[in-house]
């Protein structure tokens, strides 16, 4: 029973190793090519501009917008980052040893084509050595 749980855990992590970068890349493409470039209609009761969000962002003056921010320095950003410990955080969702074993077989997940992700997962599953973790 314990071995079965370990295998399920490893399979989930193998899926994460292959698919999270693939999904992120696809979401980034969707955001840039579709979401930020689709027309936004006027909403009742809202005083928001209509048009394409990417265009509105880059041409504020054409839509009655104004820049409301204020300049901050790199030093100020670093002070806040140090106070909040945000630089200590990690986006690693897998253990380092697990990643190293995966990288022996698939060194760069950014090169996986979405259509080949299933094959990459099956290849990794067949060649992954849990004794090296």
N, C-alpha and C. Protein backbone atom coordinates (compact mmCIF):
# COMPACT_ATOMS: atom_id res chain seq x y z
N UNK A 1 0.82 -1.20 0.00
CA UNK A 1 0.00 0.00 0.00
C UNK A 1 0.86 1.27 0.00
N UNK A 2 1.94 1.28 0.79
CA UNK A 2 2.83 2.44 0.84
C UNK A 2 3.48 2.67 -0.51
N UNK A 3 3.93 1.59 -1.17
CA UNK A 3 4.56 1.69 -2.49
C UNK A 3 3.59 2.29 -3.51
N UNK A 4 2.33 1.92 -3.42
CA UNK A 4 1.30 2.45 -4.33
C UNK A 4 1.15 3.96 -4.14
N UNK A 5 1.13 4.43 -2.87
CA UNK A 5 1.03 5.86 -2.59
C UNK A 5 2.24 6.61 -3.12
N UNK A 6 3.43 6.01 -2.97
CA UNK A 6 4.65 6.63 -3.48
C UNK A 6 4.57 6.76 -4.99
N UNK A 7 4.10 5.72 -5.66
CA UNK A 7 3.98 5.77 -7.12
C UNK A 7 3.00 6.85 -7.57
N UNK A 8 1.86 6.94 -6.86
CA UNK A 8 0.88 7.98 -7.21
C UNK A 8 1.46 9.36 -7.02
N UNK A 9 2.17 9.55 -5.91
CA UNK A 9 2.81 10.83 -5.61
C UNK A 9 3.84 11.15 -6.70
N UNK A 10 4.65 10.17 -7.08
CA UNK A 10 5.65 10.38 -8.13
C UNK A 10 4.98 10.69 -9.46
N UNK A 11 3.91 10.00 -9.78
CA UNK A 11 3.21 10.25 -11.04
C UNK A 11 2.65 11.67 -11.09
N UNK A 12 2.08 12.12 -9.98
CA UNK A 12 1.56 13.50 -9.93
C UNK A 12 2.69 14.50 -10.13
N UNK A 13 3.82 14.23 -9.50
CA UNK A 13 4.95 15.15 -9.65
C UNK A 13 5.53 15.12 -11.05
N UNK A 14 5.55 13.94 -11.68
CA UNK A 14 6.00 13.86 -13.07
C UNK A 14 5.07 14.66 -13.97
N UNK A 15 3.78 14.53 -13.72
CA UNK A 15 2.80 15.33 -14.48
C UNK A 15 3.06 16.82 -14.28
N UNK A 16 3.31 17.21 -13.03
CA UNK A 16 3.58 18.62 -12.74
C UNK A 16 4.84 19.08 -13.45
N UNK A 17 5.89 18.27 -13.43
CA UNK A 17 7.16 18.63 -14.06
C UNK A 17 6.97 18.89 -15.56
N UNK A 18 6.17 18.07 -16.20
CA UNK A 18 5.97 18.21 -17.65
C UNK A 18 4.92 19.27 -17.97
N UNK A 19 3.77 19.20 -17.30
CA UNK A 19 2.63 19.99 -17.75
C UNK A 19 2.58 21.42 -17.22
N UNK A 20 3.09 21.71 -16.04
CA UNK A 20 2.99 23.09 -15.53
C UNK A 20 3.70 24.07 -16.47
N UNK A 21 4.93 23.79 -16.92
CA UNK A 21 5.56 24.73 -17.86
C UNK A 21 4.81 24.81 -19.20
N UNK A 22 4.29 23.68 -19.66
CA UNK A 22 3.54 23.68 -20.93
C UNK A 22 2.27 24.52 -20.79
N UNK A 23 1.54 24.32 -19.71
CA UNK A 23 0.32 25.10 -19.49
C UNK A 23 0.62 26.59 -19.33
N UNK A 24 1.68 26.91 -18.59
CA UNK A 24 2.03 28.31 -18.39
C UNK A 24 2.36 28.98 -19.72
N UNK A 25 3.11 28.28 -20.56
CA UNK A 25 3.47 28.83 -21.86
C UNK A 25 2.21 29.06 -22.71
N UNK A 26 1.29 28.13 -22.68
CA UNK A 26 0.04 28.27 -23.44
C UNK A 26 -0.81 29.42 -22.89
N UNK A 27 -0.87 29.55 -21.57
CA UNK A 27 -1.62 30.66 -20.96
C UNK A 27 -1.01 32.01 -21.31
N UNK A 28 0.32 32.07 -21.33
CA UNK A 28 0.99 33.32 -21.71
C UNK A 28 0.67 33.70 -23.15
N UNK A 29 0.69 32.73 -24.04
CA UNK A 29 0.35 32.99 -25.45
C UNK A 29 -1.09 33.46 -25.56
N UNK A 30 -2.00 32.80 -24.84
CA UNK A 30 -3.41 33.19 -24.87
C UNK A 30 -3.59 34.62 -24.37
N UNK A 31 -2.93 34.95 -23.26
CA UNK A 31 -3.06 36.30 -22.69
C UNK A 31 -2.62 37.35 -23.69
N UNK A 32 -1.48 37.14 -24.33
CA UNK A 32 -0.93 38.14 -25.25
C UNK A 32 -1.71 38.19 -26.56
N UNK A 33 -2.01 37.03 -27.12
CA UNK A 33 -2.60 37.03 -28.46
C UNK A 33 -4.12 37.13 -28.48
N UNK A 34 -4.79 36.71 -27.42
CA UNK A 34 -6.25 36.72 -27.44
C UNK A 34 -6.83 37.66 -26.38
N UNK A 35 -6.55 37.37 -25.12
CA UNK A 35 -7.24 38.07 -24.04
C UNK A 35 -7.00 39.57 -24.05
N UNK A 36 -5.76 40.00 -24.13
CA UNK A 36 -5.47 41.43 -24.09
C UNK A 36 -5.73 42.13 -25.42
N UNK A 37 -6.13 41.38 -26.42
CA UNK A 37 -6.37 41.97 -27.73
C UNK A 37 -7.79 41.76 -28.23
N UNK A 38 -8.69 41.41 -27.33
CA UNK A 38 -10.09 41.29 -27.74
C UNK A 38 -10.83 42.57 -27.35
N UNK A 39 -11.80 42.98 -28.14
CA UNK A 39 -12.53 44.21 -27.83
C UNK A 39 -13.38 44.06 -26.56
N UNK A 40 -13.40 45.11 -25.76
CA UNK A 40 -14.21 45.14 -24.55
C UNK A 40 -15.40 46.05 -24.81
N UNK A 41 -16.60 45.55 -24.53
CA UNK A 41 -17.81 46.35 -24.73
C UNK A 41 -18.08 47.25 -23.54
N UNK A 42 -18.85 48.27 -23.78
CA UNK A 42 -19.26 49.19 -22.70
C UNK A 42 -20.16 48.43 -21.74
N UNK A 43 -19.92 48.65 -20.45
CA UNK A 43 -20.74 48.03 -19.43
C UNK A 43 -21.66 49.08 -18.81
N UNK A 44 -22.89 48.71 -18.62
CA UNK A 44 -23.88 49.60 -18.04
C UNK A 44 -23.45 50.00 -16.63
N UNK A 45 -23.48 51.29 -16.36
CA UNK A 45 -23.14 51.79 -15.04
C UNK A 45 -21.65 51.87 -14.76
N UNK A 46 -20.81 51.62 -15.74
CA UNK A 46 -19.35 51.67 -15.55
C UNK A 46 -18.78 52.79 -16.40
N UNK A 47 -17.79 53.46 -15.87
CA UNK A 47 -17.12 54.51 -16.61
C UNK A 47 -15.75 54.03 -17.08
N UNK A 48 -15.77 52.92 -17.78
CA UNK A 48 -14.54 52.34 -18.31
C UNK A 48 -14.51 52.50 -19.82
N UNK A 49 -13.34 52.65 -20.39
CA UNK A 49 -13.27 52.78 -21.84
C UNK A 49 -13.60 51.46 -22.53
N UNK A 50 -14.13 51.58 -23.74
CA UNK A 50 -14.36 50.39 -24.56
C UNK A 50 -13.25 50.33 -25.60
N UNK A 51 -12.94 49.14 -26.04
CA UNK A 51 -11.88 48.94 -27.02
C UNK A 51 -11.03 47.75 -26.66
N UNK A 52 -9.84 47.72 -27.21
CA UNK A 52 -8.90 46.62 -27.00
C UNK A 52 -7.99 46.98 -25.81
N UNK A 53 -7.97 46.14 -24.75
CA UNK A 53 -7.19 46.48 -23.54
C UNK A 53 -5.73 46.84 -23.81
N UNK A 54 -5.07 46.12 -24.68
CA UNK A 54 -3.65 46.40 -24.96
C UNK A 54 -3.50 47.79 -25.57
N UNK A 55 -4.40 48.14 -26.45
CA UNK A 55 -4.37 49.46 -27.09
C UNK A 55 -4.70 50.56 -26.07
N UNK A 56 -5.69 50.31 -25.24
CA UNK A 56 -6.07 51.29 -24.21
C UNK A 56 -4.88 51.56 -23.29
N UNK A 57 -4.19 50.49 -22.88
CA UNK A 57 -3.06 50.63 -21.97
C UNK A 57 -1.95 51.50 -22.56
N UNK A 58 -1.66 51.29 -23.84
CA UNK A 58 -0.55 52.01 -24.47
C UNK A 58 -0.95 53.40 -24.99
N UNK A 59 -2.24 53.67 -25.10
CA UNK A 59 -2.70 54.96 -25.63
C UNK A 59 -3.72 55.59 -24.69
N UNK A 60 -3.32 55.77 -23.44
CA UNK A 60 -4.23 56.29 -22.42
C UNK A 60 -4.91 57.60 -22.82
N UNK A 61 -4.14 58.50 -23.42
CA UNK A 61 -4.67 59.82 -23.75
C UNK A 61 -5.83 59.74 -24.74
N UNK A 62 -5.85 58.74 -25.62
CA UNK A 62 -6.94 58.60 -26.59
C UNK A 62 -8.24 58.13 -25.93
N UNK A 63 -8.14 57.62 -24.72
CA UNK A 63 -9.31 57.06 -24.05
C UNK A 63 -9.66 57.82 -22.78
N UNK A 64 -9.08 59.02 -22.63
CA UNK A 64 -9.38 59.84 -21.47
C UNK A 64 -8.70 59.36 -20.20
N UNK A 65 -7.68 58.55 -20.35
CA UNK A 65 -6.97 58.04 -19.17
C UNK A 65 -5.82 58.94 -18.78
N UNK A 66 -5.29 58.69 -17.61
CA UNK A 66 -4.14 59.45 -17.14
C UNK A 66 -3.25 58.52 -16.33
N UNK A 67 -1.99 58.83 -16.31
CA UNK A 67 -1.04 58.06 -15.52
C UNK A 67 -1.13 58.54 -14.09
N UNK A 68 -1.54 57.67 -13.20
CA UNK A 68 -1.77 58.05 -11.80
C UNK A 68 -0.67 57.55 -10.87
N UNK A 69 0.27 56.84 -11.39
CA UNK A 69 1.32 56.30 -10.55
C UNK A 69 2.33 57.34 -10.16
N UNK A 70 3.32 56.93 -9.42
CA UNK A 70 4.41 57.82 -9.04
C UNK A 70 5.71 57.05 -9.16
N UNK A 71 6.78 57.74 -9.48
CA UNK A 71 8.05 57.04 -9.70
C UNK A 71 8.63 56.50 -8.39
N UNK A 72 9.20 55.32 -8.47
CA UNK A 72 9.92 54.73 -7.33
C UNK A 72 11.27 54.25 -7.83
N UNK A 73 12.21 54.24 -6.93
CA UNK A 73 13.57 53.87 -7.30
C UNK A 73 13.80 52.38 -7.06
N UNK A 74 14.85 51.88 -7.63
CA UNK A 74 15.25 50.49 -7.42
C UNK A 74 15.55 50.25 -5.94
N UNK A 75 16.14 51.25 -5.30
CA UNK A 75 16.46 51.14 -3.87
C UNK A 75 15.19 50.99 -3.04
N UNK A 76 14.15 51.76 -3.37
CA UNK A 76 12.88 51.65 -2.64
C UNK A 76 12.26 50.27 -2.85
N UNK A 77 12.34 49.77 -4.05
CA UNK A 77 11.82 48.43 -4.32
C UNK A 77 12.56 47.38 -3.49
N UNK A 78 13.88 47.51 -3.41
CA UNK A 78 14.68 46.56 -2.64
C UNK A 78 14.35 46.64 -1.15
N UNK A 79 14.13 47.84 -0.64
CA UNK A 79 13.77 48.00 0.77
C UNK A 79 12.47 47.25 1.08
N UNK A 80 11.48 47.44 0.25
CA UNK A 80 10.19 46.76 0.45
C UNK A 80 10.36 45.25 0.30
N UNK A 81 11.12 44.83 -0.69
CA UNK A 81 11.35 43.40 -0.91
C UNK A 81 12.03 42.77 0.30
N UNK A 82 13.01 43.45 0.86
CA UNK A 82 13.71 42.93 2.03
C UNK A 82 12.81 42.89 3.26
N UNK A 83 11.98 43.91 3.43
CA UNK A 83 11.06 43.93 4.57
C UNK A 83 10.01 42.83 4.48
N UNK A 84 9.56 42.54 3.28
CA UNK A 84 8.50 41.55 3.09
C UNK A 84 9.02 40.13 2.90
N UNK A 85 10.34 39.99 2.74
CA UNK A 85 10.97 38.69 2.48
C UNK A 85 10.49 38.05 1.18
N UNK A 86 9.98 38.86 0.27
CA UNK A 86 9.47 38.32 -0.98
C UNK A 86 10.57 37.66 -1.82
N UNK A 87 11.80 38.13 -1.66
CA UNK A 87 12.90 37.55 -2.43
C UNK A 87 13.31 36.19 -1.91
N UNK A 88 12.89 35.85 -0.70
CA UNK A 88 13.19 34.54 -0.13
C UNK A 88 12.23 33.47 -0.63
N UNK A 89 11.11 33.89 -1.18
CA UNK A 89 10.11 32.93 -1.64
C UNK A 89 10.61 32.21 -2.88
N UNK A 90 10.07 31.05 -3.09
CA UNK A 90 10.46 30.25 -4.25
C UNK A 90 9.21 29.80 -4.99
N UNK A 91 9.33 29.64 -6.27
CA UNK A 91 8.20 29.11 -7.03
C UNK A 91 8.43 27.65 -7.38
N UNK A 92 9.40 27.04 -6.71
CA UNK A 92 9.65 25.62 -6.93
C UNK A 92 8.52 24.81 -6.30
N UNK A 93 7.85 24.04 -7.10
CA UNK A 93 6.74 23.22 -6.62
C UNK A 93 7.16 21.77 -6.49
N UNK A 94 8.43 21.46 -6.84
CA UNK A 94 8.95 20.11 -6.72
C UNK A 94 10.25 20.13 -5.94
N UNK A 95 10.52 19.04 -5.25
CA UNK A 95 11.77 18.92 -4.49
C UNK A 95 12.97 18.95 -5.44
N UNK A 96 14.08 19.55 -5.02
CA UNK A 96 15.27 19.66 -5.89
C UNK A 96 15.78 18.32 -6.41
N UNK A 97 15.82 17.28 -5.56
CA UNK A 97 16.31 15.97 -6.02
C UNK A 97 15.38 15.36 -7.06
N UNK A 98 14.09 15.57 -6.88
CA UNK A 98 13.11 15.08 -7.85
C UNK A 98 13.33 15.77 -9.20
N UNK A 99 13.52 17.08 -9.15
CA UNK A 99 13.77 17.85 -10.38
C UNK A 99 15.06 17.39 -11.07
N UNK A 100 16.08 17.14 -10.29
CA UNK A 100 17.35 16.71 -10.89
C UNK A 100 17.19 15.39 -11.64
N UNK A 101 16.43 14.46 -11.07
CA UNK A 101 16.21 13.18 -11.76
C UNK A 101 15.38 13.41 -13.03
N UNK A 102 14.39 14.29 -12.96
CA UNK A 102 13.60 14.60 -14.16
C UNK A 102 14.47 15.25 -15.23
N UNK A 103 15.34 16.17 -14.80
CA UNK A 103 16.20 16.90 -15.74
C UNK A 103 17.24 16.00 -16.42
N UNK A 104 17.53 14.86 -15.81
CA UNK A 104 18.43 13.90 -16.47
C UNK A 104 17.81 13.41 -17.77
N UNK A 105 16.49 13.35 -17.81
CA UNK A 105 15.78 12.80 -18.97
C UNK A 105 15.20 13.89 -19.87
N UNK A 106 14.67 14.93 -19.26
CA UNK A 106 14.11 16.07 -20.02
C UNK A 106 14.69 17.34 -19.40
N UNK A 107 15.83 17.81 -19.93
CA UNK A 107 16.52 18.94 -19.31
C UNK A 107 15.78 20.27 -19.38
N UNK A 108 15.00 20.49 -20.44
CA UNK A 108 14.36 21.79 -20.61
C UNK A 108 12.89 21.60 -20.97
N UNK A 109 12.04 21.75 -19.98
CA UNK A 109 10.60 21.55 -20.23
C UNK A 109 10.01 22.66 -21.09
N UNK A 110 10.71 23.79 -21.21
CA UNK A 110 10.21 24.86 -22.07
C UNK A 110 10.25 24.49 -23.54
N UNK A 111 10.98 23.44 -23.87
CA UNK A 111 11.08 23.00 -25.26
C UNK A 111 9.99 21.99 -25.63
N UNK A 112 9.17 21.59 -24.66
CA UNK A 112 8.12 20.60 -24.92
C UNK A 112 6.96 21.28 -25.65
N UNK A 113 6.66 20.77 -26.81
CA UNK A 113 5.50 21.25 -27.57
C UNK A 113 4.24 20.70 -26.90
N UNK A 114 3.19 21.50 -26.78
CA UNK A 114 1.97 21.02 -26.13
C UNK A 114 1.44 19.71 -26.71
N UNK A 115 1.56 19.54 -28.02
CA UNK A 115 1.08 18.31 -28.65
C UNK A 115 1.93 17.10 -28.25
N UNK A 116 3.14 17.34 -27.77
CA UNK A 116 4.04 16.25 -27.39
C UNK A 116 4.14 16.06 -25.88
N UNK A 117 3.36 16.81 -25.10
CA UNK A 117 3.45 16.74 -23.64
C UNK A 117 3.11 15.36 -23.12
N UNK A 118 2.09 14.72 -23.67
CA UNK A 118 1.72 13.37 -23.21
C UNK A 118 2.87 12.39 -23.45
N UNK A 119 3.49 12.48 -24.61
CA UNK A 119 4.63 11.59 -24.90
C UNK A 119 5.81 11.88 -23.99
N UNK A 120 6.04 13.15 -23.68
CA UNK A 120 7.13 13.52 -22.77
C UNK A 120 6.87 12.93 -21.38
N UNK A 121 5.62 13.03 -20.93
CA UNK A 121 5.27 12.46 -19.63
C UNK A 121 5.48 10.95 -19.62
N UNK A 122 5.01 10.26 -20.65
CA UNK A 122 5.17 8.80 -20.71
C UNK A 122 6.64 8.40 -20.77
N UNK A 123 7.42 9.16 -21.51
CA UNK A 123 8.86 8.89 -21.57
C UNK A 123 9.50 9.07 -20.20
N UNK A 124 9.16 10.15 -19.54
CA UNK A 124 9.71 10.42 -18.22
C UNK A 124 9.28 9.35 -17.22
N UNK A 125 8.03 8.96 -17.28
CA UNK A 125 7.50 7.93 -16.38
C UNK A 125 8.23 6.60 -16.58
N UNK A 126 8.52 6.27 -17.83
CA UNK A 126 9.20 5.00 -18.13
C UNK A 126 10.67 5.01 -17.72
N UNK A 127 11.30 6.20 -17.72
CA UNK A 127 12.74 6.29 -17.46
C UNK A 127 13.12 6.85 -16.10
N UNK A 128 12.14 7.34 -15.36
CA UNK A 128 12.40 7.95 -14.06
C UNK A 128 12.85 6.88 -13.07
N UNK A 129 13.92 7.17 -12.35
CA UNK A 129 14.45 6.22 -11.35
C UNK A 129 14.19 6.78 -9.95
N UNK A 130 13.17 6.25 -9.24
CA UNK A 130 12.85 6.78 -7.91
C UNK A 130 13.98 6.55 -6.89
N UNK A 131 14.88 5.64 -7.17
CA UNK A 131 15.98 5.38 -6.25
C UNK A 131 17.02 6.51 -6.28
N UNK A 132 16.96 7.34 -7.29
CA UNK A 132 17.91 8.46 -7.39
C UNK A 132 17.40 9.72 -6.69
N UNK A 133 16.19 9.66 -6.20
CA UNK A 133 15.58 10.83 -5.55
C UNK A 133 15.88 10.80 -4.06
